[in-house]
Amino acid sequence: TCSQQLAIDSLLQKRQRLELSNKFVEADTNYIKTLYDLARSYVYLNKDSTMAIASKALDFSTKINYKKGIAGSKLALGIASIFEGNFDTGFKNTKEAKKISETIKADNIYLSSLNAMGMGYFMKTDYPNSYLYSQLGRKKAQELNNTDMLSRFNMNLATSFAILNEPEQALPYYQECLELVQKNNNPSALGQ
């Protein structure tokens, strides 16, 4: 999509700026974060790029014991593996990312890990586990007041039920997602 390409372009520019800096070091945590974010942004477009960039970020993170970088890199590797149908490797990396991110309170990585697990189990047709991870993510997103991820979990749950031909189960999640979107795009709410 256009917004996805804009995000990739922005991350590529940021990576280039950091690499061309006189003070550039691979162990810079800002550089590592840029790498694992870039790797995740490629996941729908180019799995090879995702794997290469995430592996590089994981290597740099491991060298300096940067836990958030390790978690973010493992998440990117996990998602890429899940989307390739390599569920064992994907779930292993994603669960490691979830565990590390929970320990260090890296909430976005933690929520994204739960989302990846939910999607992965759905792709694997393990609907009970998909539902459990998606509901756990939804609950945690509510607790953390993360409306972006809450919308994502609601949309994934709704879409899952719709795909399974359960529209009455899907509807409440679609409605909640719509309410969140409307609430977040409400100009009067922005001023509060």
N, C-alpha and C. Protein backbone atom coordinates (compact mmCIF):
# COMPACT_ATOMS: atom_id res chain seq x y z
N THR A 1 0.83 -1.18 0.00
CA THR A 1 0.00 0.00 0.00
C THR A 1 0.88 1.25 0.00
N CYS A 2 0.24 2.36 -0.26
CA CYS A 2 0.96 3.64 -0.33
C CYS A 2 1.55 4.02 1.03
N SER A 3 0.77 3.85 2.10
CA SER A 3 1.27 4.20 3.43
C SER A 3 2.41 3.29 3.86
N GLN A 4 2.33 2.02 3.46
CA GLN A 4 3.41 1.08 3.78
C GLN A 4 4.69 1.50 3.06
N GLN A 5 4.57 1.92 1.80
CA GLN A 5 5.74 2.35 1.05
C GLN A 5 6.33 3.62 1.64
N LEU A 6 5.47 4.53 2.10
CA LEU A 6 5.97 5.74 2.75
C LEU A 6 6.75 5.41 4.02
N ALA A 7 6.25 4.45 4.79
CA ALA A 7 6.94 4.03 6.02
C ALA A 7 8.30 3.42 5.67
N ILE A 8 8.32 2.59 4.64
CA ILE A 8 9.59 1.97 4.22
C ILE A 8 10.57 3.04 3.76
N ASP A 9 10.10 3.96 2.93
CA ASP A 9 10.98 5.03 2.43
C ASP A 9 11.54 5.86 3.58
N SER A 10 10.70 6.17 4.56
CA SER A 10 11.14 6.94 5.71
C SER A 10 12.22 6.19 6.50
N LEU A 11 12.00 4.90 6.71
CA LEU A 11 12.98 4.09 7.44
C LEU A 11 14.28 3.93 6.65
N LEU A 12 14.18 3.80 5.34
CA LEU A 12 15.38 3.70 4.50
C LEU A 12 16.20 4.99 4.59
N GLN A 13 15.51 6.13 4.54
CA GLN A 13 16.20 7.42 4.66
C GLN A 13 16.85 7.56 6.03
N LYS A 14 16.14 7.14 7.06
CA LYS A 14 16.70 7.23 8.41
C LYS A 14 17.94 6.34 8.53
N ARG A 15 17.85 5.11 7.99
CA ARG A 15 19.01 4.21 8.03
C ARG A 15 20.20 4.83 7.31
N GLN A 16 19.94 5.41 6.14
CA GLN A 16 21.03 6.01 5.36
C GLN A 16 21.65 7.19 6.10
N ARG A 17 20.79 8.03 6.70
CA ARG A 17 21.30 9.17 7.48
C ARG A 17 22.21 8.69 8.62
N LEU A 18 21.76 7.66 9.31
CA LEU A 18 22.55 7.14 10.43
C LEU A 18 23.87 6.54 9.93
N GLU A 19 23.82 5.79 8.84
CA GLU A 19 25.03 5.15 8.31
C GLU A 19 26.04 6.16 7.78
N LEU A 20 25.56 7.31 7.27
CA LEU A 20 26.46 8.33 6.71
C LEU A 20 26.98 9.30 7.76
N SER A 21 26.46 9.19 8.98
CA SER A 21 26.89 10.07 10.05
C SER A 21 28.35 9.79 10.41
N ASN A 22 29.07 10.85 10.79
CA ASN A 22 30.47 10.70 11.21
C ASN A 22 30.60 9.87 12.47
N LYS A 23 29.52 9.85 13.27
CA LYS A 23 29.54 9.14 14.54
C LYS A 23 28.90 7.75 14.44
N PHE A 24 28.73 7.23 13.22
CA PHE A 24 28.01 5.97 13.03
C PHE A 24 28.74 4.79 13.68
N VAL A 25 27.97 4.02 14.44
CA VAL A 25 28.43 2.73 14.95
C VAL A 25 27.25 1.76 14.84
N GLU A 26 27.54 0.55 14.46
CA GLU A 26 26.48 -0.46 14.29
C GLU A 26 25.76 -0.76 15.59
N ALA A 27 26.42 -0.51 16.71
CA ALA A 27 25.84 -0.83 18.01
C ALA A 27 24.93 0.28 18.53
N ASP A 28 24.68 1.31 17.72
CA ASP A 28 23.78 2.38 18.11
C ASP A 28 22.36 1.82 18.20
N THR A 29 21.72 1.98 19.36
CA THR A 29 20.39 1.39 19.55
C THR A 29 19.35 2.03 18.62
N ASN A 30 19.51 3.29 18.28
CA ASN A 30 18.61 3.94 17.33
C ASN A 30 18.74 3.29 15.94
N TYR A 31 19.96 2.97 15.56
CA TYR A 31 20.21 2.29 14.28
C TYR A 31 19.59 0.89 14.30
N ILE A 32 19.78 0.17 15.38
CA ILE A 32 19.23 -1.18 15.49
C ILE A 32 17.71 -1.15 15.43
N LYS A 33 17.08 -0.20 16.12
CA LYS A 33 15.62 -0.07 16.08
C LYS A 33 15.15 0.23 14.65
N THR A 34 15.88 1.08 13.97
CA THR A 34 15.54 1.38 12.58
C THR A 34 15.61 0.11 11.73
N LEU A 35 16.61 -0.71 11.97
CA LEU A 35 16.76 -1.96 11.21
C LEU A 35 15.59 -2.92 11.47
N TYR A 36 15.26 -3.15 12.75
CA TYR A 36 14.19 -4.14 12.98
C TYR A 36 12.83 -3.59 12.58
N ASP A 37 12.63 -2.28 12.67
CA ASP A 37 11.38 -1.70 12.14
C ASP A 37 11.32 -1.85 10.62
N LEU A 38 12.45 -1.62 9.96
CA LEU A 38 12.52 -1.77 8.51
C LEU A 38 12.26 -3.23 8.12
N ALA A 39 12.84 -4.15 8.85
CA ALA A 39 12.64 -5.58 8.57
C ALA A 39 11.16 -5.93 8.67
N ARG A 40 10.49 -5.45 9.69
CA ARG A 40 9.05 -5.73 9.86
C ARG A 40 8.23 -5.08 8.77
N SER A 41 8.66 -3.93 8.27
CA SER A 41 7.88 -3.25 7.23
C SER A 41 7.97 -3.99 5.90
N TYR A 42 9.00 -4.78 5.71
CA TYR A 42 9.17 -5.56 4.47
C TYR A 42 8.44 -6.90 4.50
N VAL A 43 7.87 -7.29 5.64
CA VAL A 43 7.38 -8.65 5.81
C VAL A 43 6.34 -9.05 4.77
N TYR A 44 5.50 -8.14 4.31
CA TYR A 44 4.50 -8.48 3.31
C TYR A 44 5.04 -8.37 1.89
N LEU A 45 6.18 -7.72 1.73
CA LEU A 45 6.70 -7.44 0.40
C LEU A 45 7.85 -8.34 -0.01
N ASN A 46 8.77 -8.56 0.92
CA ASN A 46 9.99 -9.27 0.56
C ASN A 46 10.56 -9.99 1.78
N LYS A 47 10.26 -11.28 1.88
CA LYS A 47 10.69 -12.07 3.05
C LYS A 47 12.21 -12.14 3.16
N ASP A 48 12.90 -12.19 2.00
CA ASP A 48 14.36 -12.26 2.05
C ASP A 48 14.95 -11.00 2.68
N SER A 49 14.41 -9.84 2.30
CA SER A 49 14.89 -8.59 2.91
C SER A 49 14.59 -8.57 4.40
N THR A 50 13.41 -9.03 4.76
CA THR A 50 13.05 -9.09 6.18
C THR A 50 14.06 -9.93 6.95
N MET A 51 14.32 -11.12 6.43
CA MET A 51 15.24 -12.03 7.13
C MET A 51 16.65 -11.45 7.21
N ALA A 52 17.14 -10.87 6.12
CA ALA A 52 18.51 -10.34 6.11
C ALA A 52 18.66 -9.16 7.06
N ILE A 53 17.71 -8.23 7.01
CA ILE A 53 17.80 -7.03 7.85
C ILE A 53 17.60 -7.39 9.32
N ALA A 54 16.62 -8.25 9.61
CA ALA A 54 16.37 -8.65 11.00
C ALA A 54 17.55 -9.44 11.57
N SER A 55 18.17 -10.27 10.76
CA SER A 55 19.34 -11.03 11.22
C SER A 55 20.50 -10.10 11.57
N LYS A 56 20.68 -9.07 10.75
CA LYS A 56 21.72 -8.08 11.02
C LYS A 56 21.42 -7.34 12.33
N ALA A 57 20.17 -6.93 12.51
CA ALA A 57 19.78 -6.23 13.74
C ALA A 57 19.95 -7.14 14.96
N LEU A 58 19.62 -8.42 14.81
CA LEU A 58 19.78 -9.37 15.91
C LEU A 58 21.25 -9.54 16.27
N ASP A 59 22.10 -9.61 15.26
CA ASP A 59 23.54 -9.75 15.49
C ASP A 59 24.09 -8.54 16.25
N PHE A 60 23.74 -7.34 15.79
CA PHE A 60 24.22 -6.13 16.46
C PHE A 60 23.67 -6.05 17.89
N SER A 61 22.41 -6.40 18.07
CA SER A 61 21.77 -6.34 19.39
C SER A 61 22.41 -7.32 20.36
N THR A 62 22.68 -8.53 19.86
CA THR A 62 23.28 -9.57 20.70
C THR A 62 24.67 -9.15 21.17
N LYS A 63 25.43 -8.51 20.27
CA LYS A 63 26.80 -8.09 20.62
C LYS A 63 26.82 -7.11 21.78
N ILE A 64 25.79 -6.27 21.90
CA ILE A 64 25.77 -5.29 22.99
C ILE A 64 24.71 -5.62 24.05
N ASN A 65 24.11 -6.81 23.93
CA ASN A 65 23.08 -7.27 24.86
C ASN A 65 21.92 -6.26 24.97
N TYR A 66 21.50 -5.76 23.82
CA TYR A 66 20.39 -4.80 23.73
C TYR A 66 19.10 -5.60 23.63
N LYS A 67 18.43 -5.77 24.78
CA LYS A 67 17.26 -6.66 24.87
C LYS A 67 16.12 -6.24 23.95
N LYS A 68 15.84 -4.95 23.88
CA LYS A 68 14.75 -4.50 23.01
C LYS A 68 15.08 -4.80 21.55
N GLY A 69 16.32 -4.64 21.17
CA GLY A 69 16.74 -4.95 19.81
C GLY A 69 16.64 -6.44 19.52
N ILE A 70 16.98 -7.25 20.50
CA ILE A 70 16.87 -8.71 20.34
C ILE A 70 15.41 -9.08 20.16
N ALA A 71 14.54 -8.51 21.00
CA ALA A 71 13.11 -8.81 20.91
C ALA A 71 12.54 -8.36 19.58
N GLY A 72 12.84 -7.14 19.17
CA GLY A 72 12.32 -6.61 17.91
C GLY A 72 12.80 -7.41 16.70
N SER A 73 14.06 -7.82 16.75
CA SER A 73 14.63 -8.60 15.64
C SER A 73 14.03 -9.99 15.59
N LYS A 74 13.88 -10.62 16.74
CA LYS A 74 13.27 -11.95 16.78
C LYS A 74 11.82 -11.90 16.33
N LEU A 75 11.13 -10.83 16.66
CA LEU A 75 9.75 -10.68 16.20
C LEU A 75 9.71 -10.60 14.68
N ALA A 76 10.56 -9.79 14.08
CA ALA A 76 10.60 -9.68 12.62
C ALA A 76 10.92 -11.03 11.98
N LEU A 77 11.89 -11.74 12.53
CA LEU A 77 12.24 -13.07 12.02
C LEU A 77 11.07 -14.03 12.18
N GLY A 78 10.40 -13.94 13.33
CA GLY A 78 9.26 -14.82 13.59
C GLY A 78 8.12 -14.59 12.63
N ILE A 79 7.77 -13.33 12.40
CA ILE A 79 6.68 -13.02 11.48
C ILE A 79 7.00 -13.50 10.07
N ALA A 80 8.23 -13.25 9.63
CA ALA A 80 8.63 -13.69 8.28
C ALA A 80 8.51 -15.20 8.16
N SER A 81 8.96 -15.93 9.17
CA SER A 81 8.87 -17.40 9.14
C SER A 81 7.42 -17.87 9.13
N ILE A 82 6.59 -17.24 9.95
CA ILE A 82 5.16 -17.60 9.99
C ILE A 82 4.54 -17.40 8.62
N PHE A 83 4.82 -16.27 7.99
CA PHE A 83 4.23 -15.99 6.68
C PHE A 83 4.76 -16.92 5.59
N GLU A 84 5.93 -17.50 5.82
CA GLU A 84 6.46 -18.49 4.87
C GLU A 84 5.88 -19.88 5.14
N GLY A 85 5.11 -20.03 6.22
CA GLY A 85 4.55 -21.32 6.58
C GLY A 85 5.48 -22.16 7.43
N ASN A 86 6.59 -21.57 7.85
CA ASN A 86 7.55 -22.25 8.73
C ASN A 86 7.15 -21.92 10.17
N PHE A 87 6.06 -22.57 10.61
CA PHE A 87 5.44 -22.20 11.88
C PHE A 87 6.30 -22.49 13.10
N ASP A 88 7.00 -23.62 13.12
CA ASP A 88 7.81 -23.95 14.30
C ASP A 88 8.85 -22.87 14.57
N THR A 89 9.60 -22.50 13.55
CA THR A 89 10.62 -21.46 13.71
C THR A 89 9.97 -20.12 14.00
N GLY A 90 8.89 -19.82 13.29
CA GLY A 90 8.21 -18.55 13.50
C GLY A 90 7.67 -18.40 14.91
N PHE A 91 7.00 -19.45 15.41
CA PHE A 91 6.45 -19.38 16.77
C PHE A 91 7.57 -19.32 17.80
N LYS A 92 8.65 -20.03 17.57
CA LYS A 92 9.78 -20.01 18.52
C LYS A 92 10.34 -18.59 18.66
N ASN A 93 10.63 -17.95 17.52
CA ASN A 93 11.17 -16.59 17.56
C ASN A 93 10.17 -15.60 18.14
N THR A 94 8.91 -15.74 17.76
CA THR A 94 7.89 -14.81 18.24
C THR A 94 7.66 -14.97 19.74
N LYS A 95 7.65 -16.20 20.23
CA LYS A 95 7.49 -16.41 21.67
C LYS A 95 8.69 -15.86 22.45
N GLU A 96 9.90 -15.98 21.88
CA GLU A 96 11.08 -15.40 22.53
C GLU A 96 10.96 -13.88 22.58
N ALA A 97 10.49 -13.30 21.47
CA ALA A 97 10.29 -11.84 21.43
C ALA A 97 9.26 -11.41 22.47
N LYS A 98 8.18 -12.18 22.57
CA LYS A 98 7.12 -11.88 23.54
C LYS A 98 7.67 -11.93 24.97
N LYS A 99 8.43 -12.96 25.27
CA LYS A 99 8.96 -13.14 26.62
C LYS A 99 9.92 -12.00 26.98
N ILE A 100 10.84 -11.68 26.08
CA ILE A 100 11.80 -10.61 26.35
C ILE A 100 11.08 -9.27 26.49
N SER A 101 10.17 -8.99 25.56
CA SER A 101 9.50 -7.69 25.57
C SER A 101 8.63 -7.52 26.81
N GLU A 102 8.04 -8.60 27.28
CA GLU A 102 7.24 -8.52 28.50
C GLU A 102 8.13 -8.20 29.70
N THR A 103 9.30 -8.80 29.74
CA THR A 103 10.25 -8.60 30.84
C THR A 103 10.75 -7.16 30.89
N ILE A 104 11.02 -6.58 29.71
CA ILE A 104 11.60 -5.23 29.68
C ILE A 104 10.55 -4.13 29.45
N LYS A 105 9.28 -4.53 29.42
CA LYS A 105 8.17 -3.59 29.24
C LYS A 105 8.24 -2.86 27.88
N ALA A 106 8.61 -3.59 26.83
CA ALA A 106 8.56 -3.06 25.46
C ALA A 106 7.18 -3.39 24.91
N ASP A 107 6.19 -2.56 25.28
CA ASP A 107 4.79 -2.88 25.04
C ASP A 107 4.42 -3.09 23.58
N ASN A 108 4.95 -2.26 22.69
CA ASN A 108 4.60 -2.42 21.27
C ASN A 108 5.09 -3.75 20.70
N ILE A 109 6.28 -4.14 21.08
CA ILE A 109 6.81 -5.42 20.62
C ILE A 109 6.00 -6.56 21.23
N TYR A 110 5.65 -6.41 22.50
CA TYR A 110 4.85 -7.43 23.18
C TYR A 110 3.49 -7.61 22.49
N LEU A 111 2.79 -6.51 22.25
CA LEU A 111 1.49 -6.59 21.60
C LEU A 111 1.61 -7.13 20.17
N SER A 112 2.63 -6.70 19.47
CA SER A 112 2.84 -7.19 18.09
C SER A 112 3.16 -8.68 18.09
N SER A 113 3.83 -9.15 19.13
CA SER A 113 4.12 -10.59 19.25
C SER A 113 2.82 -11.38 19.43
N LEU A 114 1.95 -10.88 20.29
CA LEU A 114 0.66 -11.55 20.49
C LEU A 114 -0.15 -11.55 19.18
N ASN A 115 -0.11 -10.45 18.46
CA ASN A 115 -0.81 -10.35 17.19
C ASN A 115 -0.25 -11.37 16.19
N ALA A 116 1.06 -11.46 16.12
CA ALA A 116 1.69 -12.40 15.20
C ALA A 116 1.33 -13.85 15.55
N MET A 117 1.29 -14.15 16.85
CA MET A 117 0.91 -15.50 17.27
C MET A 117 -0.53 -15.79 16.87
N GLY A 118 -1.42 -14.84 17.11
CA GLY A 118 -2.82 -15.01 16.73
C GLY A 118 -2.97 -15.24 15.23
N MET A 119 -2.29 -14.43 14.44
CA MET A 119 -2.37 -14.59 12.98
C MET A 119 -1.76 -15.91 12.54
N GLY A 120 -0.63 -16.26 13.15
CA GLY A 120 0.04 -17.50 12.78
C GLY A 120 -0.81 -18.73 13.05
N TYR A 121 -1.42 -18.76 14.23
CA TYR A 121 -2.28 -19.90 14.55
C TYR A 121 -3.51 -19.94 13.64
N PHE A 122 -4.01 -18.77 13.24
CA PHE A 122 -5.14 -18.76 12.31
C PHE A 122 -4.70 -19.34 10.96
N MET A 123 -3.52 -18.93 10.49
CA MET A 123 -3.00 -19.45 9.22
C MET A 123 -2.79 -20.96 9.29
N LYS A 124 -2.45 -21.43 10.47
CA LYS A 124 -2.21 -22.86 10.68
C LYS A 124 -3.51 -23.62 10.93
N THR A 125 -4.62 -22.91 10.91
CA THR A 125 -5.97 -23.42 11.18
C THR A 125 -6.14 -23.96 12.61
N ASP A 126 -5.35 -23.44 13.52
CA ASP A 126 -5.51 -23.74 14.94
C ASP A 126 -6.31 -22.59 15.53
N TYR A 127 -7.62 -22.61 15.28
CA TYR A 127 -8.49 -21.50 15.64
C TYR A 127 -8.59 -21.24 17.14
N PRO A 128 -8.62 -22.28 17.99
CA PRO A 128 -8.67 -21.99 19.43
C PRO A 128 -7.47 -21.18 19.92
N ASN A 129 -6.25 -21.56 19.49
CA ASN A 129 -5.07 -20.80 19.91
C ASN A 129 -5.04 -19.41 19.28
N SER A 130 -5.50 -19.31 18.05
CA SER A 130 -5.59 -18.01 17.40
C SER A 130 -6.49 -17.09 18.22
N TYR A 131 -7.62 -17.59 18.60
CA TYR A 131 -8.58 -16.81 19.39
C TYR A 131 -7.98 -16.43 20.74
N LEU A 132 -7.31 -17.37 21.41
CA LEU A 132 -6.73 -17.09 22.72
C LEU A 132 -5.68 -15.98 22.66
N TYR A 133 -4.77 -16.06 21.67
CA TYR A 133 -3.74 -15.02 21.55
C TYR A 133 -4.34 -13.67 21.17
N SER A 134 -5.34 -13.70 20.30
CA SER A 134 -5.98 -12.44 19.88
C SER A 134 -6.73 -11.81 21.04
N GLN A 135 -7.41 -12.61 21.84
CA GLN A 135 -8.13 -12.08 23.00
C GLN A 135 -7.16 -11.57 24.07
N LEU A 136 -6.06 -12.30 24.27
CA LEU A 136 -5.05 -11.83 25.22
C LEU A 136 -4.48 -10.49 24.76
N GLY A 137 -4.18 -10.39 23.47
CA GLY A 137 -3.67 -9.14 22.92
C GLY A 137 -4.67 -8.01 23.06
N ARG A 138 -5.92 -8.31 22.80
CA ARG A 138 -6.99 -7.31 22.92
C ARG A 138 -7.08 -6.80 24.36
N LYS A 139 -7.03 -7.73 25.31
CA LYS A 139 -7.09 -7.36 26.73
C LYS A 139 -5.88 -6.50 27.13
N LYS A 140 -4.69 -6.91 26.69
CA LYS A 140 -3.47 -6.17 27.04
C LYS A 140 -3.48 -4.79 26.38
N ALA A 141 -3.97 -4.71 25.14
CA ALA A 141 -4.04 -3.41 24.45
C ALA A 141 -4.99 -2.48 25.20
N GLN A 142 -6.09 -3.03 25.72
CA GLN A 142 -7.02 -2.22 26.52
C GLN A 142 -6.33 -1.73 27.79
N GLU A 143 -5.63 -2.63 28.48
CA GLU A 143 -4.93 -2.27 29.72
C GLU A 143 -3.89 -1.18 29.48
N LEU A 144 -3.21 -1.26 28.34
CA LEU A 144 -2.14 -0.32 28.02
C LEU A 144 -2.67 0.93 27.30
N ASN A 145 -3.98 0.95 27.07
CA ASN A 145 -4.62 2.06 26.36
C ASN A 145 -3.97 2.30 24.99
N ASN A 146 -3.66 1.21 24.31
CA ASN A 146 -3.06 1.28 22.97
C ASN A 146 -4.18 1.06 21.95
N THR A 147 -4.79 2.18 21.52
CA THR A 147 -5.95 2.06 20.65
C THR A 147 -5.61 1.54 19.26
N ASP A 148 -4.39 1.81 18.78
CA ASP A 148 -3.98 1.29 17.47
C ASP A 148 -3.98 -0.24 17.49
N MET A 149 -3.34 -0.82 18.49
CA MET A 149 -3.28 -2.28 18.57
C MET A 149 -4.65 -2.86 18.95
N LEU A 150 -5.40 -2.15 19.77
CA LEU A 150 -6.74 -2.62 20.11
C LEU A 150 -7.60 -2.70 18.85
N SER A 151 -7.50 -1.71 17.99
CA SER A 151 -8.22 -1.75 16.71
C SER A 151 -7.76 -2.95 15.87
N ARG A 152 -6.46 -3.17 15.85
CA ARG A 152 -5.91 -4.28 15.06
C ARG A 152 -6.42 -5.63 15.57
N PHE A 153 -6.41 -5.82 16.89
CA PHE A 153 -6.90 -7.08 17.44
C PHE A 153 -8.39 -7.26 17.15
N ASN A 154 -9.17 -6.19 17.31
CA ASN A 154 -10.59 -6.27 17.00
C ASN A 154 -10.81 -6.62 15.52
N MET A 155 -10.07 -5.97 14.64
CA MET A 155 -10.21 -6.24 13.21
C MET A 155 -9.83 -7.68 12.89
N ASN A 156 -8.74 -8.15 13.48
CA ASN A 156 -8.32 -9.53 13.21
C ASN A 156 -9.34 -10.55 13.74
N LEU A 157 -9.87 -10.29 14.92
CA LEU A 157 -10.90 -11.19 15.46
C LEU A 157 -12.14 -11.17 14.57
N ALA A 158 -12.57 -9.99 14.18
CA ALA A 158 -13.76 -9.87 13.32
C ALA A 158 -13.54 -10.58 11.99
N THR A 159 -12.39 -10.34 11.38
CA THR A 159 -12.09 -10.95 10.09
C THR A 159 -12.00 -12.47 10.21
N SER A 160 -11.42 -12.93 11.29
CA SER A 160 -11.33 -14.38 11.51
C SER A 160 -12.71 -15.01 11.58
N PHE A 161 -13.58 -14.40 12.35
CA PHE A 161 -14.95 -14.93 12.44
C PHE A 161 -15.67 -14.83 11.10
N ALA A 162 -15.45 -13.76 10.37
CA ALA A 162 -16.09 -13.62 9.05
C ALA A 162 -15.60 -14.70 8.10
N ILE A 163 -14.30 -14.97 8.09
CA ILE A 163 -13.74 -16.02 7.23
C ILE A 163 -14.33 -17.38 7.61
N LEU A 164 -14.55 -17.58 8.89
CA LEU A 164 -15.12 -18.85 9.36
C LEU A 164 -16.64 -18.88 9.23
N ASN A 165 -17.18 -17.89 8.53
CA ASN A 165 -18.62 -17.81 8.25
C ASN A 165 -19.45 -17.72 9.53
N GLU A 166 -18.96 -16.88 10.46
CA GLU A 166 -19.65 -16.63 11.73
C GLU A 166 -19.90 -15.12 11.86
N PRO A 167 -20.76 -14.55 10.99
CA PRO A 167 -20.93 -13.09 10.99
C PRO A 167 -21.46 -12.52 12.30
N GLU A 168 -22.30 -13.28 13.01
CA GLU A 168 -22.83 -12.76 14.28
C GLU A 168 -21.73 -12.65 15.33
N GLN A 169 -20.70 -13.50 15.23
CA GLN A 169 -19.54 -13.41 16.14
C GLN A 169 -18.63 -12.25 15.72
N ALA A 170 -18.55 -12.00 14.41
CA ALA A 170 -17.65 -10.96 13.88
C ALA A 170 -18.16 -9.55 14.18
N LEU A 171 -19.47 -9.37 14.13
CA LEU A 171 -20.06 -8.04 14.20
C LEU A 171 -19.62 -7.20 15.41
N PRO A 172 -19.64 -7.72 16.63
CA PRO A 172 -19.24 -6.87 17.77
C PRO A 172 -17.80 -6.36 17.66
N TYR A 173 -16.91 -7.19 17.10
CA TYR A 173 -15.52 -6.76 16.95
C TYR A 173 -15.39 -5.69 15.87
N TYR A 174 -16.13 -5.86 14.76
CA TYR A 174 -16.14 -4.83 13.73
C TYR A 174 -16.69 -3.51 14.29
N GLN A 175 -17.76 -3.61 15.09
CA GLN A 175 -18.37 -2.40 15.66
C GLN A 175 -17.40 -1.69 16.59
N GLU A 176 -16.72 -2.46 17.44
CA GLU A 176 -15.76 -1.83 18.36
C GLU A 176 -14.61 -1.19 17.59
N CYS A 177 -14.16 -1.87 16.55
CA CYS A 177 -13.09 -1.33 15.72
C CYS A 177 -13.53 -0.01 15.08
N LEU A 178 -14.74 0.02 14.54
CA LEU A 178 -15.27 1.22 13.91
C LEU A 178 -15.37 2.36 14.94
N GLU A 179 -15.85 2.05 16.13
CA GLU A 179 -15.95 3.07 17.18
C GLU A 179 -14.59 3.64 17.55
N LEU A 180 -13.58 2.78 17.62
CA LEU A 180 -12.23 3.26 17.93
C LEU A 180 -11.70 4.17 16.83
N VAL A 181 -11.92 3.78 15.60
CA VAL A 181 -11.46 4.59 14.48
C VAL A 181 -12.16 5.95 14.48
N GLN A 182 -13.47 5.93 14.66
CA GLN A 182 -14.22 7.19 14.69
C GLN A 182 -13.78 8.06 15.86
N LYS A 183 -13.56 7.45 17.00
CA LYS A 183 -13.13 8.19 18.18
C LYS A 183 -11.76 8.83 17.94
N ASN A 184 -10.85 8.10 17.33
CA ASN A 184 -9.49 8.60 17.11
C ASN A 184 -9.42 9.64 16.00
N ASN A 185 -10.40 9.65 15.10
CA ASN A 185 -10.41 10.63 14.02
C ASN A 185 -11.32 11.81 14.34
N ASN A 186 -11.83 11.87 15.56
CA ASN A 186 -12.74 12.92 15.98
C ASN A 186 -11.93 14.17 16.35
N PRO A 187 -12.06 15.28 15.56
CA PRO A 187 -11.27 16.47 15.84
C PRO A 187 -11.49 17.04 17.24
N SER A 188 -12.70 16.93 17.78
CA SER A 188 -12.92 17.47 19.12
C SER A 188 -12.21 16.64 20.18
N ALA A 189 -12.03 15.34 19.90
CA ALA A 189 -11.32 14.49 20.86
C ALA A 189 -9.83 14.79 20.86
N LEU A 190 -9.32 15.29 19.73
CA LEU A 190 -7.89 15.59 19.64
C LEU A 190 -7.51 16.77 20.56
N GLY A 191 -8.45 17.66 20.79
CA GLY A 191 -8.16 18.82 21.63
C GLY A 191 -8.18 18.53 23.11
N GLN A 192 -8.63 17.37 23.49
CA GLN A 192 -8.72 17.03 24.92
C GLN A 192 -7.46 16.45 25.46
